Amino acid sequence: MRRRCEDDRESITIMVDGRPLVARAGDSVAVALGLNDILKMRSSPAAGAPRGAFCFMGVCQECAIYIDGALRQACLTRVAEGMVVELRGVP
């Protein structure tokens, strides 16, 4: 079960595959996606198995997705208003 602790951080909107998603300022993209029940971020190139945030510290590279047009690690990238996240088409 995932739930967000209440705090006074600003809510912002990012775009995920063309749809708006509400996130909290200061959260990583991986946390914002997970709190919105988006756990699969890409598929493994060899077997097509689902991949997502695993280590949450930038070591495993499992959360590498396109953020604002560049391949970046979702666990290390903080959300920003208007950010564009692409999950479709990521190998």
PDB file of N, CA and C in Angstrom:
ATOM      1  N   MET A   1       0.842  -1.178   0.000  1.00  0.00           N
ATOM      2  CA  MET A   1       0.000   0.000   0.000  1.00  0.00           C
ATOM      3  C   MET A   1       0.883   1.235   0.000  1.00  0.00           C
ATOM      4  N   ARG A   2       0.583   2.142  -0.889  1.00  0.00           N
ATOM      5  CA  ARG A   2       1.324   3.397  -0.970  1.00  0.00           C
ATOM      6  C   ARG A   2       0.396   4.537  -0.596  1.00  0.00           C
ATOM      7  N   ARG A   3       0.898   5.426   0.205  1.00  0.00           N
ATOM      8  CA  ARG A   3       0.126   6.635   0.484  1.00  0.00           C
ATOM      9  C   ARG A   3       1.080   7.760   0.792  1.00  0.00           C
ATOM     10  N   ARG A   4       0.623   8.929   0.533  1.00  0.00           N
ATOM     11  CA  ARG A   4       1.435  10.127   0.712  1.00  0.00           C
ATOM     12  C   ARG A   4       1.181  10.716   2.093  1.00  0.00           C
ATOM     13  N   CYS A   5       2.245  11.072   2.776  1.00  0.00           N
ATOM     14  CA  CYS A   5       2.102  11.793   4.048  1.00  0.00           C
ATOM     15  C   CYS A   5       1.668  13.219   3.735  1.00  0.00           C
ATOM     16  N   GLU A   6       0.776  13.717   4.519  1.00  0.00           N
ATOM     17  CA  GLU A   6       0.318  15.089   4.304  1.00  0.00           C
ATOM     18  C   GLU A   6       1.422  16.070   4.714  1.00  0.00           C
ATOM     19  N   ASP A   7       1.638  17.054   3.879  1.00  0.00           N
ATOM     20  CA  ASP A   7       2.591  18.114   4.184  1.00  0.00           C
ATOM     21  C   ASP A   7       2.171  19.368   3.428  1.00  0.00           C
ATOM     22  N   ASP A   8       2.958  20.396   3.539  1.00  0.00           N
ATOM     23  CA  ASP A   8       2.562  21.668   2.924  1.00  0.00           C
ATOM     24  C   ASP A   8       3.308  21.955   1.619  1.00  0.00           C
ATOM     25  N   ARG A   9       3.902  20.908   1.025  1.00  0.00           N
ATOM     26  CA  ARG A   9       4.596  21.129  -0.242  1.00  0.00           C
ATOM     27  C   ARG A   9       3.611  21.437  -1.357  1.00  0.00           C
ATOM     28  N   GLU A  10       4.076  22.203  -2.308  1.00  0.00           N
ATOM     29  CA  GLU A  10       3.263  22.609  -3.450  1.00  0.00           C
ATOM     30  C   GLU A  10       2.953  21.413  -4.360  1.00  0.00           C
ATOM     31  N   SER A  11       1.725  21.355  -4.844  1.00  0.00           N
ATOM     32  CA  SER A  11       1.357  20.365  -5.855  1.00  0.00           C
ATOM     33  C   SER A  11       1.690  20.938  -7.221  1.00  0.00           C
ATOM     34  N   ILE A  12       2.274  20.108  -8.066  1.00  0.00           N
ATOM     35  CA  ILE A  12       2.613  20.530  -9.420  1.00  0.00           C
ATOM     36  C   ILE A  12       2.070  19.492 -10.397  1.00  0.00           C
ATOM     37  N   THR A  13       2.035  19.843 -11.664  1.00  0.00           N
ATOM     38  CA  THR A  13       1.534  18.931 -12.687  1.00  0.00           C
ATOM     39  C   THR A  13       2.653  18.600 -13.658  1.00  0.00           C
ATOM     40  N   ILE A  14       2.850  17.294 -13.887  1.00  0.00           N
ATOM     41  CA  ILE A  14       3.763  16.830 -14.917  1.00  0.00           C
ATOM     42  C   ILE A  14       2.926  16.077 -15.947  1.00  0.00           C
ATOM     43  N   MET A  15       3.450  15.929 -17.131  1.00  0.00           N
ATOM     44  CA  MET A  15       2.748  15.202 -18.191  1.00  0.00           C
ATOM     45  C   MET A  15       3.408  13.844 -18.363  1.00  0.00           C
ATOM     46  N   VAL A  16       2.613  12.783 -18.253  1.00  0.00           N
ATOM     47  CA  VAL A  16       3.105  11.419 -18.419  1.00  0.00           C
ATOM     48  C   VAL A  16       2.366  10.794 -19.590  1.00  0.00           C
ATOM     49  N   ASP A  17       3.105  10.530 -20.658  1.00  0.00           N
ATOM     50  CA  ASP A  17       2.500   9.990 -21.878  1.00  0.00           C
ATOM     51  C   ASP A  17       1.289  10.798 -22.318  1.00  0.00           C
ATOM     52  N   GLY A  18       1.414  12.111 -22.229  1.00  0.00           N
ATOM     53  CA  GLY A  18       0.367  13.008 -22.704  1.00  0.00           C
ATOM     54  C   GLY A  18      -0.770  13.271 -21.732  1.00  0.00           C
ATOM     55  N   ARG A  19      -0.702  12.670 -20.547  1.00  0.00           N
ATOM     56  CA  ARG A  19      -1.768  12.868 -19.551  1.00  0.00           C
ATOM     57  C   ARG A  19      -1.206  13.610 -18.332  1.00  0.00           C
ATOM     58  N   PRO A  20      -1.978  14.513 -17.755  1.00  0.00           N
ATOM     59  CA  PRO A  20      -1.508  15.222 -16.565  1.00  0.00           C
ATOM     60  C   PRO A  20      -1.470  14.308 -15.344  1.00  0.00           C
ATOM     61  N   LEU A  21      -0.466  14.508 -14.527  1.00  0.00           N
ATOM     62  CA  LEU A  21      -0.307  13.749 -13.298  1.00  0.00           C
ATOM     63  C   LEU A  21       0.104  14.733 -12.201  1.00  0.00           C
ATOM     64  N   VAL A  22      -0.574  14.678 -11.069  1.00  0.00           N
ATOM     65  CA  VAL A  22      -0.260  15.584  -9.956  1.00  0.00           C
ATOM     66  C   VAL A  22       0.859  14.976  -9.124  1.00  0.00           C
ATOM     67  N   ALA A  23       1.854  15.790  -8.824  1.00  0.00           N
ATOM     68  CA  ALA A  23       3.000  15.382  -8.017  1.00  0.00           C
ATOM     69  C   ALA A  23       3.270  16.457  -6.976  1.00  0.00           C
ATOM     70  N   ARG A  24       4.147  16.172  -6.067  1.00  0.00           N
ATOM     71  CA  ARG A  24       4.533  17.138  -5.042  1.00  0.00           C
ATOM     72  C   ARG A  24       5.940  17.643  -5.292  1.00  0.00           C
ATOM     73  N   ALA A  25       6.138  18.929  -5.182  1.00  0.00           N
ATOM     74  CA  ALA A  25       7.460  19.532  -5.344  1.00  0.00           C
ATOM     75  C   ALA A  25       8.442  18.824  -4.416  1.00  0.00           C
ATOM     76  N   GLY A  26       9.594  18.477  -4.956  1.00  0.00           N
ATOM     77  CA  GLY A  26      10.630  17.812  -4.172  1.00  0.00           C
ATOM     78  C   GLY A  26      10.661  16.310  -4.334  1.00  0.00           C
ATOM     79  N   ASP A  27       9.573  15.722  -4.824  1.00  0.00           N
ATOM     80  CA  ASP A  27       9.549  14.276  -5.056  1.00  0.00           C
ATOM     81  C   ASP A  27      10.359  13.944  -6.305  1.00  0.00           C
ATOM     82  N   SER A  28      10.893  12.740  -6.348  1.00  0.00           N
ATOM     83  CA  SER A  28      11.529  12.271  -7.575  1.00  0.00           C
ATOM     84  C   SER A  28      10.433  11.829  -8.542  1.00  0.00           C
ATOM     85  N   VAL A  29      10.794  11.718  -9.807  1.00  0.00           N
ATOM     86  CA  VAL A  29       9.837  11.235 -10.799  1.00  0.00           C
ATOM     87  C   VAL A  29       9.396   9.823 -10.429  1.00  0.00           C
ATOM     88  N   ALA A  30      10.312   8.983  -9.963  1.00  0.00           N
ATOM     89  CA  ALA A  30       9.978   7.606  -9.579  1.00  0.00           C
ATOM     90  C   ALA A  30       8.940   7.587  -8.466  1.00  0.00           C
ATOM     91  N   VAL A  31       9.091   8.428  -7.470  1.00  0.00           N
ATOM     92  CA  VAL A  31       8.125   8.495  -6.362  1.00  0.00           C
ATOM     93  C   VAL A  31       6.778   8.993  -6.868  1.00  0.00           C
ATOM     94  N   ALA A  32       6.788  10.032  -7.691  1.00  0.00           N
ATOM     95  CA  ALA A  32       5.531  10.573  -8.230  1.00  0.00           C
ATOM     96  C   ALA A  32       4.789   9.518  -9.043  1.00  0.00           C
ATOM     97  N   LEU A  33       5.505   8.776  -9.864  1.00  0.00           N
ATOM     98  CA  LEU A  33       4.859   7.724 -10.652  1.00  0.00           C
ATOM     99  C   LEU A  33       4.312   6.627  -9.745  1.00  0.00           C
ATOM    100  N   GLY A  34       5.107   6.178  -8.798  1.00  0.00           N
ATOM    101  CA  GLY A  34       4.678   5.117  -7.891  1.00  0.00           C
ATOM    102  C   GLY A  34       3.467   5.490  -7.065  1.00  0.00           C
ATOM    103  N   LEU A  35       3.415   6.715  -6.594  1.00  0.00           N
ATOM    104  CA  LEU A  35       2.263   7.161  -5.809  1.00  0.00           C
ATOM    105  C   LEU A  35       0.997   7.265  -6.651  1.00  0.00           C
ATOM    106  N   ASN A  36       1.171   7.273  -7.970  1.00  0.00           N
ATOM    107  CA  ASN A  36       0.031   7.281  -8.881  1.00  0.00           C
ATOM    108  C   ASN A  36      -0.150   5.912  -9.537  1.00  0.00           C
ATOM    109  N   ASP A  37       0.347   4.881  -8.876  1.00  0.00           N
ATOM    110  CA  ASP A  37       0.201   3.481  -9.307  1.00  0.00           C
ATOM    111  C   ASP A  37       0.810   3.167 -10.666  1.00  0.00           C
ATOM    112  N   ILE A  38       1.836   3.907 -11.054  1.00  0.00           N
ATOM    113  CA  ILE A  38       2.578   3.598 -12.276  1.00  0.00           C
ATOM    114  C   ILE A  38       3.900   2.988 -11.826  1.00  0.00           C
ATOM    115  N   LEU A  39       3.960   1.675 -11.835  1.00  0.00           N
ATOM    116  CA  LEU A  39       5.145   0.969 -11.348  1.00  0.00           C
ATOM    117  C   LEU A  39       6.029   0.490 -12.496  1.00  0.00           C
ATOM    118  N   LYS A  40       5.432   0.140 -13.630  1.00  0.00           N
ATOM    119  CA  LYS A  40       6.221  -0.271 -14.791  1.00  0.00           C
ATOM    120  C   LYS A  40       6.627   0.975 -15.553  1.00  0.00           C
ATOM    121  N   MET A  41       7.933   1.182 -15.676  1.00  0.00           N
ATOM    122  CA  MET A  41       8.438   2.358 -16.372  1.00  0.00           C
ATOM    123  C   MET A  41       8.958   2.021 -17.760  1.00  0.00           C
ATOM    124  N   ARG A  42       9.371   0.776 -17.944  1.00  0.00           N
ATOM    125  CA  ARG A  42       9.879   0.339 -19.242  1.00  0.00           C
ATOM    126  C   ARG A  42       9.904  -1.179 -19.262  1.00  0.00           C
ATOM    127  N   SER A  43      10.348  -1.762 -20.380  1.00  0.00           N
ATOM    128  CA  SER A  43      10.509  -3.204 -20.504  1.00  0.00           C
ATOM    129  C   SER A  43      11.977  -3.518 -20.732  1.00  0.00           C
ATOM    130  N   SER A  44      12.427  -4.660 -20.248  1.00  0.00           N
ATOM    131  CA  SER A  44      13.821  -5.044 -20.469  1.00  0.00           C
ATOM    132  C   SER A  44      14.023  -5.341 -21.955  1.00  0.00           C
ATOM    133  N   PRO A  45      15.168  -4.963 -22.502  1.00  0.00           N
ATOM    134  CA  PRO A  45      15.406  -5.143 -23.930  1.00  0.00           C
ATOM    135  C   PRO A  45      15.406  -6.610 -24.359  1.00  0.00           C
ATOM    136  N   ALA A  46      15.925  -7.501 -23.548  1.00  0.00           N
ATOM    137  CA  ALA A  46      16.068  -8.902 -23.957  1.00  0.00           C
ATOM    138  C   ALA A  46      14.763  -9.680 -23.832  1.00  0.00           C
ATOM    139  N   ALA A  47      14.150  -9.657 -22.666  1.00  0.00           N
ATOM    140  CA  ALA A  47      12.982 -10.507 -22.406  1.00  0.00           C
ATOM    141  C   ALA A  47      11.654  -9.755 -22.428  1.00  0.00           C
ATOM    142  N   GLY A  48      11.707  -8.439 -22.435  1.00  0.00           N
ATOM    143  CA  GLY A  48      10.475  -7.658 -22.394  1.00  0.00           C
ATOM    144  C   GLY A  48       9.817  -7.626 -21.021  1.00  0.00           C
ATOM    145  N   ALA A  49      10.559  -8.032 -19.995  1.00  0.00           N
ATOM    146  CA  ALA A  49      10.028  -8.047 -18.632  1.00  0.00           C
ATOM    147  C   ALA A  49       9.854  -6.617 -18.116  1.00  0.00           C
ATOM    148  N   PRO A  50       8.855  -6.388 -17.274  1.00  0.00           N
ATOM    149  CA  PRO A  50       8.641  -5.040 -16.749  1.00  0.00           C
ATOM    150  C   PRO A  50       9.798  -4.588 -15.859  1.00  0.00           C
ATOM    151  N   ARG A  51      10.121  -3.318 -15.968  1.00  0.00           N
ATOM    152  CA  ARG A  51      11.183  -2.703 -15.162  1.00  0.00           C
ATOM    153  C   ARG A  51      10.655  -1.417 -14.550  1.00  0.00           C
ATOM    154  N   GLY A  52      11.185  -1.080 -13.383  1.00  0.00           N
ATOM    155  CA  GLY A  52      10.797   0.144 -12.698  1.00  0.00           C
ATOM    156  C   GLY A  52      11.830   0.483 -11.651  1.00  0.00           C
ATOM    157  N   ALA A  53      11.508   1.431 -10.803  1.00  0.00           N
ATOM    158  CA  ALA A  53      12.444   1.857  -9.760  1.00  0.00           C
ATOM    159  C   ALA A  53      12.726   0.689  -8.824  1.00  0.00           C
ATOM    160  N   PHE A  54      13.999   0.430  -8.564  1.00  0.00           N
ATOM    161  CA  PHE A  54      14.400  -0.690  -7.719  1.00  0.00           C
ATOM    162  C   PHE A  54      15.243  -0.201  -6.550  1.00  0.00           C
ATOM    163  N   CYS A  55      16.353   0.455  -6.846  1.00  0.00           N
ATOM    164  CA  CYS A  55      17.273   0.841  -5.764  1.00  0.00           C
ATOM    165  C   CYS A  55      16.993   2.238  -5.211  1.00  0.00           C
ATOM    166  N   PHE A  56      16.377   3.089  -5.987  1.00  0.00           N
ATOM    167  CA  PHE A  56      16.057   4.474  -5.598  1.00  0.00           C
ATOM    168  C   PHE A  56      17.288   5.296  -5.222  1.00  0.00           C
ATOM    169  N   MET A  57      18.463   4.894  -5.726  1.00  0.00           N
ATOM    170  CA  MET A  57      19.668   5.691  -5.465  1.00  0.00           C
ATOM    171  C   MET A  57      20.591   5.784  -6.678  1.00  0.00           C
ATOM    172  N   GLY A  58      20.091   5.409  -7.861  1.00  0.00           N
ATOM    173  CA  GLY A  58      20.841   5.625  -9.088  1.00  0.00           C
ATOM    174  C   GLY A  58      21.836   4.560  -9.469  1.00  0.00           C
ATOM    175  N   VAL A  59      21.849   3.437  -8.782  1.00  0.00           N
ATOM    176  CA  VAL A  59      22.834   2.396  -9.064  1.00  0.00           C
ATOM    177  C   VAL A  59      22.360   1.423 -10.133  1.00  0.00           C
ATOM    178  N   CYS A  60      21.112   1.003 -10.079  1.00  0.00           N
ATOM    179  CA  CYS A  60      20.646  -0.117 -10.910  1.00  0.00           C
ATOM    180  C   CYS A  60      20.258   0.272 -12.335  1.00  0.00           C
ATOM    181  N   GLN A  61      19.938   1.503 -12.604  1.00  0.00           N
ATOM    182  CA  GLN A  61      19.530   1.990 -13.927  1.00  0.00           C
ATOM    183  C   GLN A  61      18.184   1.446 -14.409  1.00  0.00           C
ATOM    184  N   GLU A  62      17.436   0.754 -13.573  1.00  0.00           N
ATOM    185  CA  GLU A  62      16.166   0.145 -13.981  1.00  0.00           C
ATOM    186  C   GLU A  62      15.080   1.176 -14.275  1.00  0.00           C
ATOM    187  N   CYS A  63      15.216   2.387 -13.763  1.00  0.00           N
ATOM    188  CA  CYS A  63      14.185   3.414 -13.941  1.00  0.00           C
ATOM    189  C   CYS A  63      14.542   4.426 -15.026  1.00  0.00           C
ATOM    190  N   ALA A  64      15.443   4.057 -15.934  1.00  0.00           N
ATOM    191  CA  ALA A  64      15.843   4.974 -17.003  1.00  0.00           C
ATOM    192  C   ALA A  64      14.684   5.155 -17.986  1.00  0.00           C
ATOM    193  N   ILE A  65      14.184   6.380 -18.085  1.00  0.00           N
ATOM    194  CA  ILE A  65      13.070   6.724 -18.969  1.00  0.00           C
ATOM    195  C   ILE A  65      13.354   8.077 -19.613  1.00  0.00           C
ATOM    196  N   TYR A  66      12.527   8.443 -20.592  1.00  0.00           N
ATOM    197  CA  TYR A  66      12.700   9.750 -21.226  1.00  0.00           C
ATOM    198  C   TYR A  66      11.982  10.827 -20.415  1.00  0.00           C
ATOM    199  N   ILE A  67      12.760  11.807 -19.984  1.00  0.00           N
ATOM    200  CA  ILE A  67      12.243  12.938 -19.225  1.00  0.00           C
ATOM    201  C   ILE A  67      12.684  14.203 -19.952  1.00  0.00           C
ATOM    202  N   ASP A  68      11.718  14.978 -20.394  1.00  0.00           N
ATOM    203  CA  ASP A  68      11.989  16.184 -21.184  1.00  0.00           C
ATOM    204  C   ASP A  68      12.909  15.880 -22.366  1.00  0.00           C
ATOM    205  N   GLY A  69      12.668  14.728 -23.005  1.00  0.00           N
ATOM    206  CA  GLY A  69      13.377  14.367 -24.224  1.00  0.00           C
ATOM    207  C   GLY A  69      14.718  13.692 -24.046  1.00  0.00           C
ATOM    208  N   ALA A  70      15.201  13.546 -22.819  1.00  0.00           N
ATOM    209  CA  ALA A  70      16.497  12.911 -22.565  1.00  0.00           C
ATOM    210  C   ALA A  70      16.310  11.664 -21.699  1.00  0.00           C
ATOM    211  N   LEU A  71      17.115  10.659 -21.952  1.00  0.00           N
ATOM    212  CA  LEU A  71      17.068   9.445 -21.151  1.00  0.00           C
ATOM    213  C   LEU A  71      17.704   9.735 -19.794  1.00  0.00           C
ATOM    214  N   ARG A  72      16.886   9.637 -18.741  1.00  0.00           N
ATOM    215  CA  ARG A  72      17.351   9.983 -17.390  1.00  0.00           C
ATOM    216  C   ARG A  72      16.809   8.974 -16.392  1.00  0.00           C
ATOM    217  N   GLN A  73      17.428   8.925 -15.237  1.00  0.00           N
ATOM    218  CA  GLN A  73      16.973   8.041 -14.172  1.00  0.00           C
ATOM    219  C   GLN A  73      15.869   8.725 -13.375  1.00  0.00           C
ATOM    220  N   ALA A  74      14.711   8.092 -13.321  1.00  0.00           N
ATOM    221  CA  ALA A  74      13.558   8.667 -12.632  1.00  0.00           C
ATOM    222  C   ALA A  74      13.798   8.822 -11.135  1.00  0.00           C
ATOM    223  N   CYS A  75      14.610   7.954 -10.546  1.00  0.00           N
ATOM    224  CA  CYS A  75      14.834   8.028  -9.098  1.00  0.00           C
ATOM    225  C   CYS A  75      15.725   9.199  -8.706  1.00  0.00           C
ATOM    226  N   LEU A  76      16.496   9.720  -9.652  1.00  0.00           N
ATOM    227  CA  LEU A  76      17.411  10.825  -9.351  1.00  0.00           C
ATOM    228  C   LEU A  76      16.928  12.168  -9.878  1.00  0.00           C
ATOM    229  N   THR A  77      15.812  12.168 -10.587  1.00  0.00           N
ATOM    230  CA  THR A  77      15.309  13.388 -11.219  1.00  0.00           C
ATOM    231  C   THR A  77      14.117  13.923 -10.438  1.00  0.00           C
ATOM    232  N   ARG A  78      14.209  15.150  -9.974  1.00  0.00           N
ATOM    233  CA  ARG A  78      13.112  15.779  -9.237  1.00  0.00           C
ATOM    234  C   ARG A  78      12.062  16.297 -10.207  1.00  0.00           C
ATOM    235  N   VAL A  79      10.801  16.191  -9.814  1.00  0.00           N
ATOM    236  CA  VAL A  79       9.718  16.686 -10.666  1.00  0.00           C
ATOM    237  C   VAL A  79       9.795  18.206 -10.785  1.00  0.00           C
ATOM    238  N   ALA A  80       9.310  18.709 -11.909  1.00  0.00           N
ATOM    239  CA  ALA A  80       9.245  20.149 -12.145  1.00  0.00           C
ATOM    240  C   ALA A  80       7.955  20.441 -12.904  1.00  0.00           C
ATOM    241  N   GLU A  81       7.365  21.568 -12.634  1.00  0.00           N
ATOM    242  CA  GLU A  81       6.117  21.957 -13.287  1.00  0.00           C
ATOM    243  C   GLU A  81       6.271  21.862 -14.804  1.00  0.00           C
ATOM    244  N   GLY A  82       5.327  21.165 -15.457  1.00  0.00           N
ATOM    245  CA  GLY A  82       5.322  21.055 -16.907  1.00  0.00           C
ATOM    246  C   GLY A  82       6.263  20.010 -17.478  1.00  0.00           C
ATOM    247  N   MET A  83       6.973  19.282 -16.628  1.00  0.00           N
ATOM    248  CA  MET A  83       7.898  18.249 -17.079  1.00  0.00           C
ATOM    249  C   MET A  83       7.153  17.225 -17.945  1.00  0.00           C
ATOM    250  N   VAL A  84       7.826  16.730 -18.988  1.00  0.00           N
ATOM    251  CA  VAL A  84       7.237  15.745 -19.886  1.00  0.00           C
ATOM    252  C   VAL A  84       7.957  14.410 -19.685  1.00  0.00           C
ATOM    253  N   VAL A  85       7.202  13.399 -19.285  1.00  0.00           N
ATOM    254  CA  VAL A  85       7.732  12.061 -19.038  1.00  0.00           C
ATOM    255  C   VAL A  85       7.134  11.111 -20.074  1.00  0.00           C
ATOM    256  N   GLU A  86       7.990  10.325 -20.704  1.00  0.00           N
ATOM    257  CA  GLU A  86       7.538   9.376 -21.722  1.00  0.00           C
ATOM    258  C   GLU A  86       7.880   7.963 -21.284  1.00  0.00           C
ATOM    259  N   LEU A  87       6.853   7.143 -21.110  1.00  0.00           N
ATOM    260  CA  LEU A  87       7.043   5.747 -20.762  1.00  0.00           C
ATOM    261  C   LEU A  87       6.852   4.862 -21.977  1.00  0.00           C
ATOM    262  N   ARG A  88       5.960   5.250 -22.879  1.00  0.00           N
ATOM    263  CA  ARG A  88       5.740   4.466 -24.099  1.00  0.00           C
ATOM    264  C   ARG A  88       6.961   4.540 -24.994  1.00  0.00           C
ATOM    265  N   GLY A  89       7.342   3.401 -25.517  1.00  0.00           N
ATOM    266  CA  GLY A  89       8.448   3.382 -26.471  1.00  0.00           C
ATOM    267  C   GLY A  89       9.821   3.313 -25.835  1.00  0.00           C
ATOM    268  N   VAL A  90       9.892   3.282 -24.524  1.00  0.00           N
ATOM    269  CA  VAL A  90      11.193   3.146 -23.863  1.00  0.00           C
ATOM    270  C   VAL A  90      11.558   1.670 -23.869  1.00  0.00           C
ATOM    271  N   PRO A  91      12.758   1.337 -24.354  1.00  0.00           N
ATOM    272  CA  PRO A  91      13.140  -0.082 -24.398  1.00  0.00           C
ATOM    273  C   PRO A  91      13.254  -0.684 -23.011  1.00  0.00           C
TER     274      PRO A  91
END
